[in-house]
Amino acid sequence: MARKLSALGHPVRLAILRQLSERDACCCKDIVGRLDLAQSTVSQHLKVLVDAGIVVYAPDRQRSRYSVDRRSLVQFARTFEAMLGRCCAESACGGGVED
């Protein structure tokens, strides 16, 4: 959970995720062209997303194909929602922590 939240906490990685979610799969070069970032920068961000289990990497001849791991994201969203539900329920009862 923490790794996914950390990976999603960077605006460039969110932009990459948006790009990937619009297609079944694409290569790093496709993302570089749409975000106007250096290939090395995009590659580093993709690695973080892959390591967090949000994006899937698959070699395809001389290219690397990336796609959103939709199943993983759905599970993450459900877990996060359940956690927030417990947190908010405790807060409503006066047992939560205030910021």
C-alpha atoms as a PDB file:
ATOM      1  CA  MET A   1       0.000   0.000   0.000  1.00  0.00           C
ATOM      2  CA  ALA A   2       2.755   2.468   0.973  1.00  0.00           C
ATOM      3  CA  ARG A   3       4.732   1.730  -2.184  1.00  0.00           C
ATOM      4  CA  LYS A   4       1.703   2.384  -4.379  1.00  0.00           C
ATOM      5  CA  LEU A   5       0.836   5.595  -2.541  1.00  0.00           C
ATOM      6  CA  SER A   6       4.431   6.785  -2.843  1.00  0.00           C
ATOM      7  CA  ALA A   7       4.503   5.983  -6.559  1.00  0.00           C
ATOM      8  CA  LEU A   8       1.247   7.861  -7.104  1.00  0.00           C
ATOM      9  CA  GLY A   9       2.503  10.850  -5.131  1.00  0.00           C
ATOM     10  CA  HIS A  10       4.462  12.375  -8.009  1.00  0.00           C
ATOM     11  CA  PRO A  11       2.716  14.491 -10.673  1.00  0.00           C
ATOM     12  CA  VAL A  12       4.815  13.091 -13.529  1.00  0.00           C
ATOM     13  CA  ARG A  13       3.920   9.525 -12.584  1.00  0.00           C
ATOM     14  CA  LEU A  14       0.243  10.472 -12.469  1.00  0.00           C
ATOM     15  CA  ALA A  15       0.586  11.984 -15.958  1.00  0.00           C
ATOM     16  CA  ILE A  16       2.281   8.801 -17.180  1.00  0.00           C
ATOM     17  CA  LEU A  17      -0.488   6.704 -15.653  1.00  0.00           C
ATOM     18  CA  ARG A  18      -3.085   8.857 -17.417  1.00  0.00           C
ATOM     19  CA  GLN A  19      -1.270   8.339 -20.730  1.00  0.00           C
ATOM     20  CA  LEU A  20      -1.068   4.590 -20.200  1.00  0.00           C
ATOM     21  CA  SER A  21      -4.709   4.317 -19.172  1.00  0.00           C
ATOM     22  CA  GLU A  22      -5.802   5.660 -22.559  1.00  0.00           C
ATOM     23  CA  ARG A  23      -4.238   2.685 -24.382  1.00  0.00           C
ATOM     24  CA  ASP A  24      -3.813  -1.039 -23.980  1.00  0.00           C
ATOM     25  CA  ALA A  25      -0.021  -0.635 -23.955  1.00  0.00           C
ATOM     26  CA  CYS A  26       2.651   1.717 -25.210  1.00  0.00           C
ATOM     27  CA  CYS A  27       6.394   2.138 -25.233  1.00  0.00           C
ATOM     28  CA  CYS A  28       8.492   4.684 -23.380  1.00  0.00           C
ATOM     29  CA  LYS A  29       9.009   6.660 -26.600  1.00  0.00           C
ATOM     30  CA  ASP A  30       5.235   7.211 -26.918  1.00  0.00           C
ATOM     31  CA  ILE A  31       5.086   8.695 -23.435  1.00  0.00           C
ATOM     32  CA  VAL A  32       8.179  10.842 -23.984  1.00  0.00           C
ATOM     33  CA  GLY A  33       6.575  12.369 -27.072  1.00  0.00           C
ATOM     34  CA  ARG A  34       3.384  13.278 -25.249  1.00  0.00           C
ATOM     35  CA  LEU A  35       4.901  14.606 -22.020  1.00  0.00           C
ATOM     36  CA  ASP A  36       7.936  16.444 -23.412  1.00  0.00           C
ATOM     37  CA  LEU A  37      10.319  14.842 -20.905  1.00  0.00           C
ATOM     38  CA  ALA A  38      13.696  13.200 -21.383  1.00  0.00           C
ATOM     39  CA  GLN A  39      13.593   9.479 -22.125  1.00  0.00           C
ATOM     40  CA  SER A  40      15.734   8.758 -19.057  1.00  0.00           C
ATOM     41  CA  THR A  41      13.299  10.665 -16.829  1.00  0.00           C
ATOM     42  CA  VAL A  42      10.295   8.779 -18.175  1.00  0.00           C
ATOM     43  CA  SER A  43      12.153   5.470 -17.816  1.00  0.00           C
ATOM     44  CA  GLN A  44      12.922   6.187 -14.163  1.00  0.00           C
ATOM     45  CA  HIS A  45       9.306   7.039 -13.434  1.00  0.00           C
ATOM     46  CA  LEU A  46       8.082   3.950 -15.281  1.00  0.00           C
ATOM     47  CA  LYS A  47      10.414   1.812 -13.170  1.00  0.00           C
ATOM     48  CA  VAL A  48       8.894   3.223  -9.979  1.00  0.00           C
ATOM     49  CA  LEU A  49       5.390   2.453 -11.277  1.00  0.00           C
ATOM     50  CA  VAL A  50       6.418  -1.075 -12.286  1.00  0.00           C
ATOM     51  CA  ASP A  51       8.137  -1.721  -8.936  1.00  0.00           C
ATOM     52  CA  ALA A  52       4.985  -0.529  -7.138  1.00  0.00           C
ATOM     53  CA  GLY A  53       2.849  -2.990  -9.090  1.00  0.00           C
ATOM     54  CA  ILE A  54       0.829  -0.297 -10.826  1.00  0.00           C
ATOM     55  CA  VAL A  55       2.252  -0.762 -14.311  1.00  0.00           C
ATOM     56  CA  VAL A  56       3.235  -3.962 -16.090  1.00  0.00           C
ATOM     57  CA  TYR A  57       6.383  -4.179 -18.224  1.00  0.00           C
ATOM     58  CA  ALA A  58       6.631  -6.593 -21.157  1.00  0.00           C
ATOM     59  CA  PRO A  59       9.542  -6.811 -23.590  1.00  0.00           C
ATOM     60  CA  ASP A  60       8.387  -6.709 -27.230  1.00  0.00           C
ATOM     61  CA  ARG A  61      11.217  -7.313 -29.685  1.00  0.00           C
ATOM     62  CA  GLN A  62      13.392  -4.203 -29.471  1.00  0.00           C
ATOM     63  CA  ARG A  63      10.851  -2.203 -27.483  1.00  0.00           C
ATOM     64  CA  SER A  64       9.523  -2.259 -23.973  1.00  0.00           C
ATOM     65  CA  ARG A  65       5.750  -2.197 -23.662  1.00  0.00           C
ATOM     66  CA  TYR A  66       4.050  -0.767 -20.594  1.00  0.00           C
ATOM     67  CA  SER A  67       0.433  -1.084 -19.538  1.00  0.00           C
ATOM     68  CA  VAL A  68      -1.649  -0.285 -16.492  1.00  0.00           C
ATOM     69  CA  ASP A  69      -2.164  -3.230 -14.153  1.00  0.00           C
ATOM     70  CA  ARG A  70      -5.865  -2.568 -13.836  1.00  0.00           C
ATOM     71  CA  ARG A  71      -6.497  -5.522 -11.547  1.00  0.00           C
ATOM     72  CA  SER A  72      -3.845  -4.281  -9.121  1.00  0.00           C
ATOM     73  CA  LEU A  73      -5.260  -0.745  -9.170  1.00  0.00           C
ATOM     74  CA  VAL A  74      -8.802  -1.976  -8.516  1.00  0.00           C
ATOM     75  CA  GLN A  75      -7.577  -3.997  -5.536  1.00  0.00           C
ATOM     76  CA  PHE A  76      -5.580  -1.003  -4.296  1.00  0.00           C
ATOM     77  CA  ALA A  77      -8.633   1.269  -4.595  1.00  0.00           C
ATOM     78  CA  ARG A  78     -10.792  -1.192  -2.641  1.00  0.00           C
ATOM     79  CA  THR A  79      -8.193  -1.542   0.105  1.00  0.00           C
ATOM     80  CA  PHE A  80      -7.722   2.222   0.306  1.00  0.00           C
ATOM     81  CA  GLU A  81     -11.460   2.829   0.387  1.00  0.00           C
ATOM     82  CA  ALA A  82     -11.884   0.303   3.211  1.00  0.00           C
ATOM     83  CA  MET A  83      -9.071   1.955   5.154  1.00  0.00           C
ATOM     84  CA  LEU A  84     -10.629   5.388   4.707  1.00  0.00           C
ATOM     85  CA  GLY A  85     -14.019   4.033   5.710  1.00  0.00           C
ATOM     86  CA  ARG A  86     -12.603   2.756   8.992  1.00  0.00           C
ATOM     87  CA  CYS A  87     -10.686   5.970   9.551  1.00  0.00           C
ATOM     88  CA  CYS A  88     -13.681   8.185   8.864  1.00  0.00           C
ATOM     89  CA  ALA A  89     -15.984   6.028  10.996  1.00  0.00           C
ATOM     90  CA  GLU A  90     -13.588   6.359  13.929  1.00  0.00           C
ATOM     91  CA  SER A  91     -13.322  10.097  13.365  1.00  0.00           C
ATOM     92  CA  ALA A  92     -17.099  10.492  13.360  1.00  0.00           C
ATOM     93  CA  CYS A  93     -17.206   8.741  16.714  1.00  0.00           C
ATOM     94  CA  GLY A  94     -14.658  11.114  18.201  1.00  0.00           C
ATOM     95  CA  GLY A  95     -11.878   8.551  18.227  1.00  0.00           C
ATOM     96  CA  GLY A  96      -9.951   9.871  15.228  1.00  0.00           C
ATOM     97  CA  VAL A  97      -6.819  11.935  15.127  1.00  0.00           C
ATOM     98  CA  GLU A  98      -7.139  15.548  14.081  1.00  0.00           C
ATOM     99  CA  ASP A  99      -4.571  17.323  11.928  1.00  0.00           C
END
